[in-house]
C-alpha atoms as a PDB file:
ATOM      1  CA  UNK A   1      -6.939 -13.331  14.714  1.00  0.00           C
ATOM      2  CA  UNK A   2      -6.480 -16.822  15.657  1.00  0.00           C
ATOM      3  CA  UNK A   3      -5.817 -18.072  12.660  1.00  0.00           C
ATOM      4  CA  UNK A   4      -2.947 -15.233  12.479  1.00  0.00           C
ATOM      5  CA  UNK A   5      -1.682 -16.411  15.399  1.00  0.00           C
ATOM      6  CA  UNK A   6      -1.515 -19.916  14.964  1.00  0.00           C
ATOM      7  CA  UNK A   7       0.251 -19.157  11.247  1.00  0.00           C
ATOM      8  CA  UNK A   8       2.823 -16.737  13.026  1.00  0.00           C
ATOM      9  CA  UNK A   9       1.707 -14.326  10.820  1.00  0.00           C
ATOM     10  CA  UNK A  10       1.448 -10.654  11.152  1.00  0.00           C
ATOM     11  CA  UNK A  11      -1.230  -8.634  13.444  1.00  0.00           C
ATOM     12  CA  UNK A  12      -1.567  -4.975  13.724  1.00  0.00           C
ATOM     13  CA  UNK A  13      -4.571  -2.850  15.051  1.00  0.00           C
ATOM     14  CA  UNK A  14      -6.927  -2.366  11.938  1.00  0.00           C
ATOM     15  CA  UNK A  15      -9.058   0.426  11.584  1.00  0.00           C
ATOM     16  CA  UNK A  16     -12.372  -0.858   9.508  1.00  0.00           C
ATOM     17  CA  UNK A  17     -13.935   3.143   8.906  1.00  0.00           C
ATOM     18  CA  UNK A  18      -9.972   3.930   7.950  1.00  0.00           C
ATOM     19  CA  UNK A  19     -10.016   0.930   5.162  1.00  0.00           C
ATOM     20  CA  UNK A  20     -13.626   2.091   3.890  1.00  0.00           C
ATOM     21  CA  UNK A  21     -12.541   5.571   3.494  1.00  0.00           C
ATOM     22  CA  UNK A  22      -9.035   4.648   1.540  1.00  0.00           C
ATOM     23  CA  UNK A  23     -11.423   1.963  -0.708  1.00  0.00           C
ATOM     24  CA  UNK A  24     -14.414   4.761  -0.785  1.00  0.00           C
ATOM     25  CA  UNK A  25     -17.191   1.625  -0.085  1.00  0.00           C
ATOM     26  CA  UNK A  26     -16.381   0.146  -3.318  1.00  0.00           C
ATOM     27  CA  UNK A  27     -15.493  -3.498  -3.394  1.00  0.00           C
ATOM     28  CA  UNK A  28     -11.873  -4.097  -4.391  1.00  0.00           C
ATOM     29  CA  UNK A  29     -13.262  -7.547  -6.303  1.00  0.00           C
ATOM     30  CA  UNK A  30     -16.203  -6.336  -8.825  1.00  0.00           C
ATOM     31  CA  UNK A  31     -15.544  -2.478  -8.346  1.00  0.00           C
ATOM     32  CA  UNK A  32     -18.996  -1.246  -7.660  1.00  0.00           C
ATOM     33  CA  UNK A  33     -20.354   0.211  -4.993  1.00  0.00           C
ATOM     34  CA  UNK A  34     -21.057  -1.632  -1.405  1.00  0.00           C
ATOM     35  CA  UNK A  35     -23.705  -0.213   0.794  1.00  0.00           C
ATOM     36  CA  UNK A  36     -23.153  -1.116   4.146  1.00  0.00           C
ATOM     37  CA  UNK A  37     -25.817  -3.765   4.414  1.00  0.00           C
ATOM     38  CA  UNK A  38     -23.114  -5.660   2.207  1.00  0.00           C
ATOM     39  CA  UNK A  39     -20.570  -4.895   3.807  1.00  0.00           C
ATOM     40  CA  UNK A  40     -17.401  -7.155   4.742  1.00  0.00           C
ATOM     41  CA  UNK A  41     -14.301  -6.925   4.594  1.00  0.00           C
ATOM     42  CA  UNK A  42     -11.843  -8.990   3.014  1.00  0.00           C
ATOM     43  CA  UNK A  43      -8.000 -10.200   3.431  1.00  0.00           C
ATOM     44  CA  UNK A  44      -6.345  -9.562  -0.125  1.00  0.00           C
ATOM     45  CA  UNK A  45      -3.999 -12.431   0.379  1.00  0.00           C
ATOM     46  CA  UNK A  46      -6.005 -14.737   2.610  1.00  0.00           C
ATOM     47  CA  UNK A  47      -5.212 -15.306   6.246  1.00  0.00           C
ATOM     48  CA  UNK A  48      -4.913 -18.999   4.772  1.00  0.00           C
ATOM     49  CA  UNK A  49      -2.152 -18.595   1.939  1.00  0.00           C
ATOM     50  CA  UNK A  50      -0.553 -16.567   4.605  1.00  0.00           C
ATOM     51  CA  UNK A  51      -1.249 -12.920   3.816  1.00  0.00           C
ATOM     52  CA  UNK A  52      -1.220 -10.303   7.202  1.00  0.00           C
ATOM     53  CA  UNK A  53      -4.227  -9.819   9.340  1.00  0.00           C
ATOM     54  CA  UNK A  54      -3.776  -5.928   8.487  1.00  0.00           C
ATOM     55  CA  UNK A  55      -4.827  -2.265   6.821  1.00  0.00           C
ATOM     56  CA  UNK A  56      -2.894  -3.448   3.175  1.00  0.00           C
ATOM     57  CA  UNK A  57      -4.049  -6.629   3.103  1.00  0.00           C
ATOM     58  CA  UNK A  58      -7.673  -6.052   4.093  1.00  0.00           C
ATOM     59  CA  UNK A  59      -9.974  -4.427   1.889  1.00  0.00           C
ATOM     60  CA  UNK A  60     -13.456  -3.599   1.224  1.00  0.00           C
ATOM     61  CA  UNK A  61     -15.612  -6.496  -0.503  1.00  0.00           C
ATOM     62  CA  UNK A  62     -19.233  -7.416  -1.040  1.00  0.00           C
ATOM     63  CA  UNK A  63     -20.650 -10.552   0.806  1.00  0.00           C
ATOM     64  CA  UNK A  64     -21.596 -12.356  -2.505  1.00  0.00           C
ATOM     65  CA  UNK A  65     -18.097 -11.466  -3.689  1.00  0.00           C
ATOM     66  CA  UNK A  66     -16.107 -12.139  -0.774  1.00  0.00           C
ATOM     67  CA  UNK A  67     -18.171 -15.601   0.014  1.00  0.00           C
ATOM     68  CA  UNK A  68     -17.248 -16.377  -3.922  1.00  0.00           C
ATOM     69  CA  UNK A  69     -13.633 -14.946  -3.575  1.00  0.00           C
ATOM     70  CA  UNK A  70     -13.179 -17.975  -0.593  1.00  0.00           C
ATOM     71  CA  UNK A  71      -9.698 -18.408   0.133  1.00  0.00           C
ATOM     72  CA  UNK A  72      -8.431 -17.688  -3.080  1.00  0.00           C
ATOM     73  CA  UNK A  73      -5.732 -14.819  -3.926  1.00  0.00           C
ATOM     74  CA  UNK A  74      -7.222 -12.565  -7.096  1.00  0.00           C
ATOM     75  CA  UNK A  75      -5.199 -10.800  -8.908  1.00  0.00           C
END
């Protein structure tokens, strides 16, 4: 969130439980089910690339998938 503020990006309150329900606990990168122990939340459009910190831009991801993606935009 600190990086978002520095870039003057949109920052809104995020309900992570709602994101988990919306995404059905499926990784947005590999589409496989995510267990709680492997759960991370990914900014689909990274903050470093001008993405917002908002529920619309945050998705469920496996930790390994999220780290592999880094600050890239995946389509």
